[in-house]
Amino acid sequence: MFQLDFRDRRPLYEQIKERIKTLIISGVLKPDERIPSVRELAQSLTVNPNTIQKAYKDLEAEGFIYSIRAKGSFVSPLDVSVHHPRREELLQELKKIAGELMYLNVPIEQLLSIIQAIYEKREV
């Protein structure tokens, strides 16, 4: 599925969480698609299953995956009607980043074209 960077300073569970998020956001993992079990992923990455469990727990709390007992974990379908608290956190972070880029004289056109390209890439 992916490789971990053992030289990265971030904890392994954060790397796993970010890689799975990237696969979901980029559309590689589709809604309701089953993701590897904790045991399967732990074996393929040769890490402790507790590390995978922590990443999955965080992903579930953030709404990226859901679990069904005795079935496994699956990619959550995007529900635009749900007002997810993470959305507000990310918007605040975006405002902060945009303000800093404005201070560094990055043209608004460049920011808008980056955002446009991200949205166009996501649409299938």
PDB file of N, CA and C in Angstrom:
ATOM      1  N   MET A   1       0.834  -1.197   0.000  1.00  0.00           N
ATOM      2  CA  MET A   1       0.000   0.000   0.000  1.00  0.00           C
ATOM      3  C   MET A   1       0.874   1.255   0.000  1.00  0.00           C
ATOM      4  N   PHE A   2       1.830   1.351   0.910  1.00  0.00           N
ATOM      5  CA  PHE A   2       2.762   2.466   0.945  1.00  0.00           C
ATOM      6  C   PHE A   2       3.942   2.129   1.835  1.00  0.00           C
ATOM      7  N   GLN A   3       4.942   2.972   1.811  1.00  0.00           N
ATOM      8  CA  GLN A   3       6.152   2.787   2.614  1.00  0.00           C
ATOM      9  C   GLN A   3       6.208   3.859   3.699  1.00  0.00           C
ATOM     10  N   LEU A   4       6.849   3.515   4.811  1.00  0.00           N
ATOM     11  CA  LEU A   4       7.069   4.482   5.879  1.00  0.00           C
ATOM     12  C   LEU A   4       8.503   4.976   5.814  1.00  0.00           C
ATOM     13  N   ASP A   5       8.715   6.187   6.276  1.00  0.00           N
ATOM     14  CA  ASP A   5      10.057   6.755   6.346  1.00  0.00           C
ATOM     15  C   ASP A   5      10.496   6.699   7.801  1.00  0.00           C
ATOM     16  N   PHE A   6      11.354   5.742   8.111  1.00  0.00           N
ATOM     17  CA  PHE A   6      11.783   5.553   9.492  1.00  0.00           C
ATOM     18  C   PHE A   6      12.755   6.643   9.947  1.00  0.00           C
ATOM     19  N   ARG A   7      13.205   7.483   9.008  1.00  0.00           N
ATOM     20  CA  ARG A   7      14.067   8.615   9.387  1.00  0.00           C
ATOM     21  C   ARG A   7      13.246   9.867   9.682  1.00  0.00           C
ATOM     22  N   ASP A   8      11.982   9.836   9.325  1.00  0.00           N
ATOM     23  CA  ASP A   8      11.069  10.953   9.577  1.00  0.00           C
ATOM     24  C   ASP A   8      10.925  11.124  11.087  1.00  0.00           C
ATOM     25  N   ARG A   9      10.906  12.349  11.543  1.00  0.00           N
ATOM     26  CA  ARG A   9      10.797  12.628  12.981  1.00  0.00           C
ATOM     27  C   ARG A   9       9.390  12.428  13.530  1.00  0.00           C
ATOM     28  N   ARG A  10       8.398  12.432  12.630  1.00  0.00           N
ATOM     29  CA  ARG A  10       7.024  12.254  13.084  1.00  0.00           C
ATOM     30  C   ARG A  10       6.798  10.817  13.526  1.00  0.00           C
ATOM     31  N   PRO A  11       5.912  10.625  14.494  1.00  0.00           N
ATOM     32  CA  PRO A  11       5.590   9.252  14.910  1.00  0.00           C
ATOM     33  C   PRO A  11       5.028   8.444  13.734  1.00  0.00           C
ATOM     34  N   LEU A  12       5.259   7.139  13.778  1.00  0.00           N
ATOM     35  CA  LEU A  12       4.807   6.265  12.697  1.00  0.00           C
ATOM     36  C   LEU A  12       3.297   6.338  12.486  1.00  0.00           C
ATOM     37  N   TYR A  13       2.523   6.413  13.592  1.00  0.00           N
ATOM     38  CA  TYR A  13       1.066   6.448  13.431  1.00  0.00           C
ATOM     39  C   TYR A  13       0.629   7.698  12.674  1.00  0.00           C
ATOM     40  N   GLU A  14       1.340   8.820  12.855  1.00  0.00           N
ATOM     41  CA  GLU A  14       1.004  10.048  12.119  1.00  0.00           C
ATOM     42  C   GLU A  14       1.322   9.896  10.641  1.00  0.00           C
ATOM     43  N   GLN A  15       2.439   9.248  10.333  1.00  0.00           N
ATOM     44  CA  GLN A  15       2.786   9.007   8.934  1.00  0.00           C
ATOM     45  C   GLN A  15       1.729   8.130   8.268  1.00  0.00           C
ATOM     46  N   ILE A  16       1.319   7.078   8.969  1.00  0.00           N
ATOM     47  CA  ILE A  16       0.298   6.168   8.442  1.00  0.00           C
ATOM     48  C   ILE A  16      -1.007   6.919   8.218  1.00  0.00           C
ATOM     49  N   LYS A  17      -1.404   7.702   9.211  1.00  0.00           N
ATOM     50  CA  LYS A  17      -2.644   8.476   9.125  1.00  0.00           C
ATOM     51  C   LYS A  17      -2.599   9.436   7.935  1.00  0.00           C
ATOM     52  N   GLU A  18      -1.501  10.145   7.761  1.00  0.00           N
ATOM     53  CA  GLU A  18      -1.387  11.109   6.667  1.00  0.00           C
ATOM     54  C   GLU A  18      -1.381  10.421   5.307  1.00  0.00           C
ATOM     55  N   ARG A  19      -0.735   9.270   5.211  1.00  0.00           N
ATOM     56  CA  ARG A  19      -0.693   8.546   3.931  1.00  0.00           C
ATOM     57  C   ARG A  19      -2.089   8.044   3.554  1.00  0.00           C
ATOM     58  N   ILE A  20      -2.818   7.529   4.534  1.00  0.00           N
ATOM     59  CA  ILE A  20      -4.171   7.051   4.242  1.00  0.00           C
ATOM     60  C   ILE A  20      -5.073   8.225   3.867  1.00  0.00           C
ATOM     61  N   LYS A  21      -4.948   9.337   4.582  1.00  0.00           N
ATOM     62  CA  LYS A  21      -5.719  10.538   4.226  1.00  0.00           C
ATOM     63  C   LYS A  21      -5.433  10.957   2.790  1.00  0.00           C
ATOM     64  N   THR A  22      -4.164  10.953   2.417  1.00  0.00           N
ATOM     65  CA  THR A  22      -3.771  11.343   1.065  1.00  0.00           C
ATOM     66  C   THR A  22      -4.398  10.421   0.032  1.00  0.00           C
ATOM     67  N   LEU A  23      -4.405   9.112   0.306  1.00  0.00           N
ATOM     68  CA  LEU A  23      -5.014   8.153  -0.612  1.00  0.00           C
ATOM     69  C   LEU A  23      -6.521   8.385  -0.741  1.00  0.00           C
ATOM     70  N   ILE A  24      -7.168   8.757   0.366  1.00  0.00           N
ATOM     71  CA  ILE A  24      -8.607   9.020   0.341  1.00  0.00           C
ATOM     72  C   ILE A  24      -8.895  10.319  -0.411  1.00  0.00           C
ATOM     73  N   ILE A  25      -8.171  11.371  -0.064  1.00  0.00           N
ATOM     74  CA  ILE A  25      -8.400  12.685  -0.675  1.00  0.00           C
ATOM     75  C   ILE A  25      -8.121  12.653  -2.177  1.00  0.00           C
ATOM     76  N   SER A  26      -7.090  11.919  -2.576  1.00  0.00           N
ATOM     77  CA  SER A  26      -6.737  11.859  -3.996  1.00  0.00           C
ATOM     78  C   SER A  26      -7.662  10.943  -4.787  1.00  0.00           C
ATOM     79  N   GLY A  27      -8.521  10.197  -4.090  1.00  0.00           N
ATOM     80  CA  GLY A  27      -9.473   9.334  -4.782  1.00  0.00           C
ATOM     81  C   GLY A  27      -8.956   7.935  -5.058  1.00  0.00           C
ATOM     82  N   VAL A  28      -7.750   7.611  -4.613  1.00  0.00           N
ATOM     83  CA  VAL A  28      -7.220   6.261  -4.796  1.00  0.00           C
ATOM     84  C   VAL A  28      -8.071   5.268  -4.006  1.00  0.00           C
ATOM     85  N   LEU A  29      -8.422   5.646  -2.777  1.00  0.00           N
ATOM     86  CA  LEU A  29      -9.342   4.845  -1.971  1.00  0.00           C
ATOM     87  C   LEU A  29     -10.729   5.469  -2.120  1.00  0.00           C
ATOM     88  N   LYS A  30     -11.661   4.677  -2.565  1.00  0.00           N
ATOM     89  CA  LYS A  30     -13.020   5.147  -2.859  1.00  0.00           C
ATOM     90  C   LYS A  30     -13.938   5.005  -1.640  1.00  0.00           C
ATOM     91  N   PRO A  31     -15.023   5.783  -1.580  1.00  0.00           N
ATOM     92  CA  PRO A  31     -15.989   5.653  -0.481  1.00  0.00           C
ATOM     93  C   PRO A  31     -16.497   4.213  -0.346  1.00  0.00           C
ATOM     94  N   ASP A  32     -16.610   3.780   0.884  1.00  0.00           N
ATOM     95  CA  ASP A  32     -17.076   2.438   1.259  1.00  0.00           C
ATOM     96  C   ASP A  32     -16.112   1.321   0.863  1.00  0.00           C
ATOM     97  N   GLU A  33     -14.926   1.678   0.395  1.00  0.00           N
ATOM     98  CA  GLU A  33     -13.914   0.670   0.079  1.00  0.00           C
ATOM     99  C   GLU A  33     -13.262   0.192   1.371  1.00  0.00           C
ATOM    100  N   ARG A  34     -13.060  -1.102   1.468  1.00  0.00           N
ATOM    101  CA  ARG A  34     -12.423  -1.683   2.655  1.00  0.00           C
ATOM    102  C   ARG A  34     -10.935  -1.367   2.618  1.00  0.00           C
ATOM    103  N   ILE A  35     -10.405  -0.948   3.762  1.00  0.00           N
ATOM    104  CA  ILE A  35      -8.966  -0.723   3.877  1.00  0.00           C
ATOM    105  C   ILE A  35      -8.367  -1.925   4.614  1.00  0.00           C
ATOM    106  N   PRO A  36      -7.060  -2.134   4.524  1.00  0.00           N
ATOM    107  CA  PRO A  36      -6.457  -3.297   5.166  1.00  0.00           C
ATOM    108  C   PRO A  36      -6.750  -3.323   6.674  1.00  0.00           C
ATOM    109  N   SER A  37      -6.892  -4.537   7.199  1.00  0.00           N
ATOM    110  CA  SER A  37      -7.116  -4.670   8.640  1.00  0.00           C
ATOM    111  C   SER A  37      -5.866  -4.212   9.382  1.00  0.00           C
ATOM    112  N   VAL A  38      -6.023  -3.990  10.659  1.00  0.00           N
ATOM    113  CA  VAL A  38      -4.893  -3.581  11.494  1.00  0.00           C
ATOM    114  C   VAL A  38      -3.777  -4.613  11.371  1.00  0.00           C
ATOM    115  N   ARG A  39      -4.132  -5.866  11.478  1.00  0.00           N
ATOM    116  CA  ARG A  39      -3.131  -6.934  11.414  1.00  0.00           C
ATOM    117  C   ARG A  39      -2.452  -6.983  10.048  1.00  0.00           C
ATOM    118  N   GLU A  40      -3.241  -6.878   8.965  1.00  0.00           N
ATOM    119  CA  GLU A  40      -2.673  -6.918   7.612  1.00  0.00           C
ATOM    120  C   GLU A  40      -1.677  -5.779   7.388  1.00  0.00           C
ATOM    121  N   LEU A  41      -2.085  -4.576   7.767  1.00  0.00           N
ATOM    122  CA  LEU A  41      -1.217  -3.420   7.547  1.00  0.00           C
ATOM    123  C   LEU A  41       0.012  -3.474   8.444  1.00  0.00           C
ATOM    124  N   ALA A  42      -0.155  -3.930   9.679  1.00  0.00           N
ATOM    125  CA  ALA A  42       0.985  -4.056  10.598  1.00  0.00           C
ATOM    126  C   ALA A  42       2.012  -5.044  10.037  1.00  0.00           C
ATOM    127  N   GLN A  43       1.544  -6.133   9.484  1.00  0.00           N
ATOM    128  CA  GLN A  43       2.461  -7.120   8.905  1.00  0.00           C
ATOM    129  C   GLN A  43       3.156  -6.573   7.669  1.00  0.00           C
ATOM    130  N   SER A  44       2.406  -5.897   6.794  1.00  0.00           N
ATOM    131  CA  SER A  44       3.022  -5.398   5.564  1.00  0.00           C
ATOM    132  C   SER A  44       4.020  -4.268   5.829  1.00  0.00           C
ATOM    133  N   LEU A  45       3.780  -3.477   6.876  1.00  0.00           N
ATOM    134  CA  LEU A  45       4.687  -2.375   7.198  1.00  0.00           C
ATOM    135  C   LEU A  45       5.719  -2.759   8.268  1.00  0.00           C
ATOM    136  N   THR A  46       5.563  -3.957   8.822  1.00  0.00           N
ATOM    137  CA  THR A  46       6.404  -4.456   9.922  1.00  0.00           C
ATOM    138  C   THR A  46       6.471  -3.473  11.091  1.00  0.00           C
ATOM    139  N   VAL A  47       5.295  -3.088  11.557  1.00  0.00           N
ATOM    140  CA  VAL A  47       5.181  -2.238  12.741  1.00  0.00           C
ATOM    141  C   VAL A  47       4.212  -2.893  13.719  1.00  0.00           C
ATOM    142  N   ASN A  48       4.218  -2.395  14.933  1.00  0.00           N
ATOM    143  CA  ASN A  48       3.343  -2.900  15.980  1.00  0.00           C
ATOM    144  C   ASN A  48       1.877  -2.612  15.605  1.00  0.00           C
ATOM    145  N   PRO A  49       0.999  -3.603  15.781  1.00  0.00           N
ATOM    146  CA  PRO A  49      -0.424  -3.376  15.478  1.00  0.00           C
ATOM    147  C   PRO A  49      -1.037  -2.215  16.253  1.00  0.00           C
ATOM    148  N   ASN A  50      -0.524  -1.936  17.453  1.00  0.00           N
ATOM    149  CA  ASN A  50      -1.043  -0.802  18.232  1.00  0.00           C
ATOM    150  C   ASN A  50      -0.809   0.524  17.512  1.00  0.00           C
ATOM    151  N   THR A  51       0.273   0.596  16.739  1.00  0.00           N
ATOM    152  CA  THR A  51       0.568   1.800  15.963  1.00  0.00           C
ATOM    153  C   THR A  51      -0.503   2.008  14.898  1.00  0.00           C
ATOM    154  N   ILE A  52      -0.861   0.935  14.207  1.00  0.00           N
ATOM    155  CA  ILE A  52      -1.898   1.010  13.174  1.00  0.00           C
ATOM    156  C   ILE A  52      -3.245   1.334  13.817  1.00  0.00           C
ATOM    157  N   GLN A  53      -3.513   0.698  14.957  1.00  0.00           N
ATOM    158  CA  GLN A  53      -4.785   0.917  15.653  1.00  0.00           C
ATOM    159  C   GLN A  53      -4.946   2.387  16.032  1.00  0.00           C
ATOM    160  N   LYS A  54      -3.867   3.031  16.490  1.00  0.00           N
ATOM    161  CA  LYS A  54      -3.921   4.446  16.853  1.00  0.00           C
ATOM    162  C   LYS A  54      -4.222   5.302  15.615  1.00  0.00           C
ATOM    163  N   ALA A  55      -3.577   4.990  14.507  1.00  0.00           N
ATOM    164  CA  ALA A  55      -3.823   5.747  13.272  1.00  0.00           C
ATOM    165  C   ALA A  55      -5.274   5.587  12.835  1.00  0.00           C
ATOM    166  N   TYR A  56      -5.785   4.358  12.874  1.00  0.00           N
ATOM    167  CA  TYR A  56      -7.168   4.106  12.474  1.00  0.00           C
ATOM    168  C   TYR A  56      -8.146   4.800  13.415  1.00  0.00           C
ATOM    169  N   LYS A  57      -7.838   4.804  14.701  1.00  0.00           N
ATOM    170  CA  LYS A  57      -8.708   5.464  15.676  1.00  0.00           C
ATOM    171  C   LYS A  57      -8.796   6.967  15.369  1.00  0.00           C
ATOM    172  N   ASP A  58      -7.648   7.576  15.087  1.00  0.00           N
ATOM    173  CA  ASP A  58      -7.634   9.002  14.748  1.00  0.00           C
ATOM    174  C   ASP A  58      -8.385   9.272  13.445  1.00  0.00           C
ATOM    175  N   LEU A  59      -8.179   8.416  12.437  1.00  0.00           N
ATOM    176  CA  LEU A  59      -8.871   8.594  11.161  1.00  0.00           C
ATOM    177  C   LEU A  59     -10.384   8.475  11.330  1.00  0.00           C
ATOM    178  N   GLU A  60     -10.807   7.569  12.198  1.00  0.00           N
ATOM    179  CA  GLU A  60     -12.236   7.410  12.451  1.00  0.00           C
ATOM    180  C   GLU A  60     -12.788   8.635  13.183  1.00  0.00           C
ATOM    181  N   ALA A  61     -12.031   9.145  14.146  1.00  0.00           N
ATOM    182  CA  ALA A  61     -12.465  10.335  14.888  1.00  0.00           C
ATOM    183  C   ALA A  61     -12.577  11.548  13.963  1.00  0.00           C
ATOM    184  N   GLU A  62     -11.721  11.604  12.944  1.00  0.00           N
ATOM    185  CA  GLU A  62     -11.749  12.723  11.997  1.00  0.00           C
ATOM    186  C   GLU A  62     -12.744  12.510  10.860  1.00  0.00           C
ATOM    187  N   GLY A  63     -13.390  11.348  10.829  1.00  0.00           N
ATOM    188  CA  GLY A  63     -14.422  11.100   9.839  1.00  0.00           C
ATOM    189  C   GLY A  63     -13.943  10.553   8.508  1.00  0.00           C
ATOM    190  N   PHE A  64     -12.694  10.134   8.409  1.00  0.00           N
ATOM    191  CA  PHE A  64     -12.181   9.610   7.152  1.00  0.00           C
ATOM    192  C   PHE A  64     -12.525   8.138   6.946  1.00  0.00           C
ATOM    193  N   ILE A  65     -12.649   7.388   8.037  1.00  0.00           N
ATOM    194  CA  ILE A  65     -13.002   5.976   7.926  1.00  0.00           C
ATOM    195  C   ILE A  65     -14.081   5.632   8.945  1.00  0.00           C
ATOM    196  N   TYR A  66     -14.704   4.490   8.757  1.00  0.00           N
ATOM    197  CA  TYR A  66     -15.639   3.963   9.744  1.00  0.00           C
ATOM    198  C   TYR A  66     -15.376   2.472   9.874  1.00  0.00           C
ATOM    199  N   SER A  67     -15.757   1.906  11.008  1.00  0.00           N
ATOM    200  CA  SER A  67     -15.527   0.492  11.272  1.00  0.00           C
ATOM    201  C   SER A  67     -16.840  -0.238  11.449  1.00  0.00           C
ATOM    202  N   ILE A  68     -16.848  -1.482  10.988  1.00  0.00           N
ATOM    203  CA  ILE A  68     -17.969  -2.381  11.225  1.00  0.00           C
ATOM    204  C   ILE A  68     -17.392  -3.603  11.916  1.00  0.00           C
ATOM    205  N   ARG A  69     -17.942  -3.898  13.084  1.00  0.00           N
ATOM    206  CA  ARG A  69     -17.445  -5.024  13.874  1.00  0.00           C
ATOM    207  C   ARG A  69     -17.450  -6.302  13.035  1.00  0.00           C
ATOM    208  N   ALA A  70     -16.346  -7.009  13.094  1.00  0.00           N
ATOM    209  CA  ALA A  70     -16.130  -8.292  12.410  1.00  0.00           C
ATOM    210  C   ALA A  70     -16.086  -8.168  10.880  1.00  0.00           C
ATOM    211  N   LYS A  71     -16.147  -6.947  10.357  1.00  0.00           N
ATOM    212  CA  LYS A  71     -16.066  -6.738   8.904  1.00  0.00           C
ATOM    213  C   LYS A  71     -14.809  -5.972   8.510  1.00  0.00           C
ATOM    214  N   GLY A  72     -14.420  -5.000   9.334  1.00  0.00           N
ATOM    215  CA  GLY A  72     -13.228  -4.220   9.030  1.00  0.00           C
ATOM    216  C   GLY A  72     -13.486  -2.731   9.024  1.00  0.00           C
ATOM    217  N   SER A  73     -12.522  -2.020   8.462  1.00  0.00           N
ATOM    218  CA  SER A  73     -12.599  -0.563   8.359  1.00  0.00           C
ATOM    219  C   SER A  73     -12.770  -0.178   6.902  1.00  0.00           C
ATOM    220  N   PHE A  74     -13.550   0.884   6.689  1.00  0.00           N
ATOM    221  CA  PHE A  74     -13.909   1.310   5.344  1.00  0.00           C
ATOM    222  C   PHE A  74     -13.773   2.817   5.219  1.00  0.00           C
ATOM    223  N   VAL A  75     -13.574   3.286   3.978  1.00  0.00           N
ATOM    224  CA  VAL A  75     -13.497   4.722   3.704  1.00  0.00           C
ATOM    225  C   VAL A  75     -14.890   5.313   3.848  1.00  0.00           C
ATOM    226  N   SER A  76     -14.990   6.384   4.597  1.00  0.00           N
ATOM    227  CA  SER A  76     -16.278   7.058   4.796  1.00  0.00           C
ATOM    228  C   SER A  76     -16.697   7.796   3.535  1.00  0.00           C
ATOM    229  N   PRO A  77     -17.971   7.669   3.153  1.00  0.00           N
ATOM    230  CA  PRO A  77     -18.454   8.487   2.036  1.00  0.00           C
ATOM    231  C   PRO A  77     -18.502   9.947   2.462  1.00  0.00           C
ATOM    232  N   LEU A  78     -18.300  10.826   1.520  1.00  0.00           N
ATOM    233  CA  LEU A  78     -18.323  12.251   1.810  1.00  0.00           C
ATOM    234  C   LEU A  78     -19.758  12.700   1.988  1.00  0.00           C
ATOM    235  N   ASP A  79     -20.077  13.203   3.173  1.00  0.00           N
ATOM    236  CA  ASP A  79     -21.425  13.686   3.465  1.00  0.00           C
ATOM    237  C   ASP A  79     -21.352  15.195   3.642  1.00  0.00           C
ATOM    238  N   VAL A  80     -21.700  15.926   2.592  1.00  0.00           N
ATOM    239  CA  VAL A  80     -21.586  17.380   2.628  1.00  0.00           C
ATOM    240  C   VAL A  80     -22.594  18.024   3.571  1.00  0.00           C
ATOM    241  N   SER A  81     -23.624  17.283   3.965  1.00  0.00           N
ATOM    242  CA  SER A  81     -24.627  17.861   4.856  1.00  0.00           C
ATOM    243  C   SER A  81     -24.141  17.902   6.303  1.00  0.00           C
ATOM    244  N   VAL A  82     -23.126  17.114   6.613  1.00  0.00           N
ATOM    245  CA  VAL A  82     -22.604  17.077   7.976  1.00  0.00           C
ATOM    246  C   VAL A  82     -21.606  18.216   8.157  1.00  0.00           C
ATOM    247  N   HIS A  83     -21.795  18.976   9.208  1.00  0.00           N
ATOM    248  CA  HIS A  83     -20.857  20.052   9.523  1.00  0.00           C
ATOM    249  C   HIS A  83     -19.808  19.476  10.466  1.00  0.00           C
ATOM    250  N   HIS A  84     -18.711  19.079   9.876  1.00  0.00           N
ATOM    251  CA  HIS A  84     -17.652  18.422  10.641  1.00  0.00           C
ATOM    252  C   HIS A  84     -16.800  19.471  11.352  1.00  0.00           C
ATOM    253  N   PRO A  85     -16.493  19.277  12.644  1.00  0.00           N
ATOM    254  CA  PRO A  85     -15.686  20.264  13.365  1.00  0.00           C
ATOM    255  C   PRO A  85     -14.298  20.462  12.755  1.00  0.00           C
ATOM    256  N   ARG A  86     -13.777  19.440  12.109  1.00  0.00           N
ATOM    257  CA  ARG A  86     -12.454  19.546  11.485  1.00  0.00           C
ATOM    258  C   ARG A  86     -12.460  20.595  10.382  1.00  0.00           C
ATOM    259  N   ARG A  87     -13.618  20.795   9.744  1.00  0.00           N
ATOM    260  CA  ARG A  87     -13.731  21.780   8.679  1.00  0.00           C
ATOM    261  C   ARG A  87     -13.367  23.172   9.199  1.00  0.00           C
ATOM    262  N   GLU A  88     -13.892  23.525  10.375  1.00  0.00           N
ATOM    263  CA  GLU A  88     -13.599  24.843  10.949  1.00  0.00           C
ATOM    264  C   GLU A  88     -12.122  24.987  11.293  1.00  0.00           C
ATOM    265  N   GLU A  89     -11.539  23.929  11.842  1.00  0.00           N
ATOM    266  CA  GLU A  89     -10.104  23.955  12.164  1.00  0.00           C
ATOM    267  C   GLU A  89      -9.280  24.204  10.909  1.00  0.00           C
ATOM    268  N   LEU A  90      -9.613  23.499   9.846  1.00  0.00           N
ATOM    269  CA  LEU A  90      -8.864  23.634   8.595  1.00  0.00           C
ATOM    270  C   LEU A  90      -9.056  25.005   7.974  1.00  0.00           C
ATOM    271  N   LEU A  91     -10.275  25.543   8.045  1.00  0.00           N
ATOM    272  CA  LEU A  91     -10.505  26.886   7.504  1.00  0.00           C
ATOM    273  C   LEU A  91      -9.707  27.936   8.279  1.00  0.00           C
ATOM    274  N   GLN A  92      -9.631  27.784   9.587  1.00  0.00           N
ATOM    275  CA  GLN A  92      -8.824  28.711  10.389  1.00  0.00           C
ATOM    276  C   GLN A  92      -7.343  28.600  10.021  1.00  0.00           C
ATOM    277  N   GLU A  93      -6.893  27.372   9.816  1.00  0.00           N
ATOM    278  CA  GLU A  93      -5.501  27.145   9.421  1.00  0.00           C
ATOM    279  C   GLU A  93      -5.229  27.756   8.044  1.00  0.00           C
ATOM    280  N   LEU A  94      -6.197  27.604   7.126  1.00  0.00           N
ATOM    281  CA  LEU A  94      -6.061  28.178   5.789  1.00  0.00           C
ATOM    282  C   LEU A  94      -5.976  29.702   5.856  1.00  0.00           C
ATOM    283  N   LYS A  95      -6.806  30.318   6.708  1.00  0.00           N
ATOM    284  CA  LYS A  95      -6.758  31.780   6.871  1.00  0.00           C
ATOM    285  C   LYS A  95      -5.385  32.226   7.352  1.00  0.00           C
ATOM    286  N   LYS A  96      -4.845  31.485   8.295  1.00  0.00           N
ATOM    287  CA  LYS A  96      -3.519  31.812   8.831  1.00  0.00           C
ATOM    288  C   LYS A  96      -2.459  31.701   7.738  1.00  0.00           C
ATOM    289  N   ILE A  97      -2.503  30.621   6.979  1.00  0.00           N
ATOM    290  CA  ILE A  97      -1.528  30.401   5.911  1.00  0.00           C
ATOM    291  C   ILE A  97      -1.683  31.459   4.822  1.00  0.00           C
ATOM    292  N   ALA A  98      -2.926  31.762   4.429  1.00  0.00           N
ATOM    293  CA  ALA A  98      -3.168  32.771   3.400  1.00  0.00           C
ATOM    294  C   ALA A  98      -2.656  34.138   3.862  1.00  0.00           C
ATOM    295  N   GLY A  99      -2.857  34.451   5.131  1.00  0.00           N
ATOM    296  CA  GLY A  99      -2.350  35.717   5.664  1.00  0.00           C
ATOM    297  C   GLY A  99      -0.834  35.795   5.604  1.00  0.00           C
ATOM    298  N   GLU A 100      -0.190  34.695   5.921  1.00  0.00           N
ATOM    299  CA  GLU A 100       1.273  34.661   5.885  1.00  0.00           C
ATOM    300  C   GLU A 100       1.774  34.771   4.443  1.00  0.00           C
ATOM    301  N   LEU A 101       1.101  34.096   3.513  1.00  0.00           N
ATOM    302  CA  LEU A 101       1.481  34.190   2.104  1.00  0.00           C
ATOM    303  C   LEU A 101       1.256  35.604   1.569  1.00  0.00           C
ATOM    304  N   MET A 102       0.185  36.257   2.032  1.00  0.00           N
ATOM    305  CA  MET A 102      -0.076  37.637   1.633  1.00  0.00           C
ATOM    306  C   MET A 102       1.070  38.530   2.124  1.00  0.00           C
ATOM    307  N   TYR A 103       1.502  38.304   3.351  1.00  0.00           N
ATOM    308  CA  TYR A 103       2.615  39.074   3.916  1.00  0.00           C
ATOM    309  C   TYR A 103       3.883  38.880   3.088  1.00  0.00           C
ATOM    310  N   LEU A 104       4.047  37.673   2.540  1.00  0.00           N
ATOM    311  CA  LEU A 104       5.224  37.363   1.733  1.00  0.00           C
ATOM    312  C   LEU A 104       5.050  37.754   0.258  1.00  0.00           C
ATOM    313  N   ASN A 105       3.990  38.549  -0.014  1.00  0.00           N
ATOM    314  CA  ASN A 105       3.709  39.088  -1.348  1.00  0.00           C
ATOM    315  C   ASN A 105       3.444  38.029  -2.417  1.00  0.00           C
ATOM    316  N   VAL A 106       2.810  36.930  -2.043  1.00  0.00           N
ATOM    317  CA  VAL A 106       2.380  35.944  -3.034  1.00  0.00           C
ATOM    318  C   VAL A 106       1.078  36.469  -3.639  1.00  0.00           C
ATOM    319  N   PRO A 107       1.019  36.585  -4.946  1.00  0.00           N
ATOM    320  CA  PRO A 107      -0.186  37.142  -5.582  1.00  0.00           C
ATOM    321  C   PRO A 107      -1.418  36.263  -5.344  1.00  0.00           C
ATOM    322  N   ILE A 108      -2.549  36.909  -5.164  1.00  0.00           N
ATOM    323  CA  ILE A 108      -3.795  36.184  -4.920  1.00  0.00           C
ATOM    324  C   ILE A 108      -4.130  35.265  -6.097  1.00  0.00           C
ATOM    325  N   GLU A 109      -3.765  35.687  -7.295  1.00  0.00           N
ATOM    326  CA  GLU A 109      -4.025  34.863  -8.471  1.00  0.00           C
ATOM    327  C   GLU A 109      -3.316  33.513  -8.364  1.00  0.00           C
ATOM    328  N   GLN A 110      -2.099  33.527  -7.828  1.00  0.00           N
ATOM    329  CA  GLN A 110      -1.344  32.288  -7.666  1.00  0.00           C
ATOM    330  C   GLN A 110      -2.021  31.364  -6.655  1.00  0.00           C
ATOM    331  N   LEU A 111      -2.500  31.927  -5.544  1.00  0.00           N
ATOM    332  CA  LEU A 111      -3.204  31.129  -4.540  1.00  0.00           C
ATOM    333  C   LEU A 111      -4.485  30.536  -5.119  1.00  0.00           C
ATOM    334  N   LEU A 112      -5.244  31.367  -5.824  1.00  0.00           N
ATOM    335  CA  LEU A 112      -6.495  30.897  -6.404  1.00  0.00           C
ATOM    336  C   LEU A 112      -6.262  29.807  -7.450  1.00  0.00           C
ATOM    337  N   SER A 113      -5.199  29.939  -8.230  1.00  0.00           N
ATOM    338  CA  SER A 113      -4.921  28.913  -9.246  1.00  0.00           C
ATOM    339  C   SER A 113      -4.511  27.597  -8.592  1.00  0.00           C
ATOM    340  N   ILE A 114      -3.813  27.653  -7.470  1.00  0.00           N
ATOM    341  CA  ILE A 114      -3.442  26.432  -6.737  1.00  0.00           C
ATOM    342  C   ILE A 114      -4.689  25.752  -6.205  1.00  0.00           C
ATOM    343  N   ILE A 115      -5.571  26.532  -5.594  1.00  0.00           N
ATOM    344  CA  ILE A 115      -6.815  25.975  -5.048  1.00  0.00           C
ATOM    345  C   ILE A 115      -7.679  25.417  -6.176  1.00  0.00           C
ATOM    346  N   GLN A 116      -7.775  26.141  -7.277  1.00  0.00           N
ATOM    347  CA  GLN A 116      -8.555  25.673  -8.434  1.00  0.00           C
ATOM    348  C   GLN A 116      -8.009  24.342  -8.948  1.00  0.00           C
ATOM    349  N   ALA A 117      -6.690  24.233  -9.046  1.00  0.00           N
ATOM    350  CA  ALA A 117      -6.069  23.000  -9.545  1.00  0.00           C
ATOM    351  C   ALA A 117      -6.349  21.830  -8.607  1.00  0.00           C
ATOM    352  N   ILE A 118      -6.350  22.079  -7.312  1.00  0.00           N
ATOM    353  CA  ILE A 118      -6.649  21.021  -6.339  1.00  0.00           C
ATOM    354  C   ILE A 118      -8.085  20.547  -6.516  1.00  0.00           C
ATOM    355  N   TYR A 119      -9.023  21.474  -6.657  1.00  0.00           N
ATOM    356  CA  TYR A 119     -10.427  21.110  -6.821  1.00  0.00           C
ATOM    357  C   TYR A 119     -10.686  20.398  -8.144  1.00  0.00           C
ATOM    358  N   GLU A 120     -10.035  20.838  -9.206  1.00  0.00           N
ATOM    359  CA  GLU A 120     -10.221  20.189 -10.501  1.00  0.00           C
ATOM    360  C   GLU A 120      -9.652  18.778 -10.516  1.00  0.00           C
ATOM    361  N   LYS A 121      -8.548  18.569  -9.828  1.00  0.00           N
ATOM    362  CA  LYS A 121      -7.926  17.256  -9.747  1.00  0.00           C
ATOM    363  C   LYS A 121      -8.827  16.273  -9.005  1.00  0.00           C
ATOM    364  N   ARG A 122      -9.550  16.743  -8.024  1.00  0.00           N
ATOM    365  CA  ARG A 122     -10.414  15.891  -7.192  1.00  0.00           C
ATOM    366  C   ARG A 122     -11.658  15.442  -7.925  1.00  0.00           C
ATOM    367  N   GLU A 123     -12.178  16.293  -8.818  1.00  0.00           N
ATOM    368  CA  GLU A 123     -13.404  15.947  -9.532  1.00  0.00           C
ATOM    369  C   GLU A 123     -13.135  14.818 -10.506  1.00  0.00           C
ATOM    370  N   VAL A 124     -14.058  13.869 -10.529  1.00  0.00           N
ATOM    371  CA  VAL A 124     -13.904  12.725 -11.435  1.00  0.00           C
ATOM    372  C   VAL A 124     -14.949  12.781 -12.524  1.00  0.00           C
TER     373      VAL A 124
END
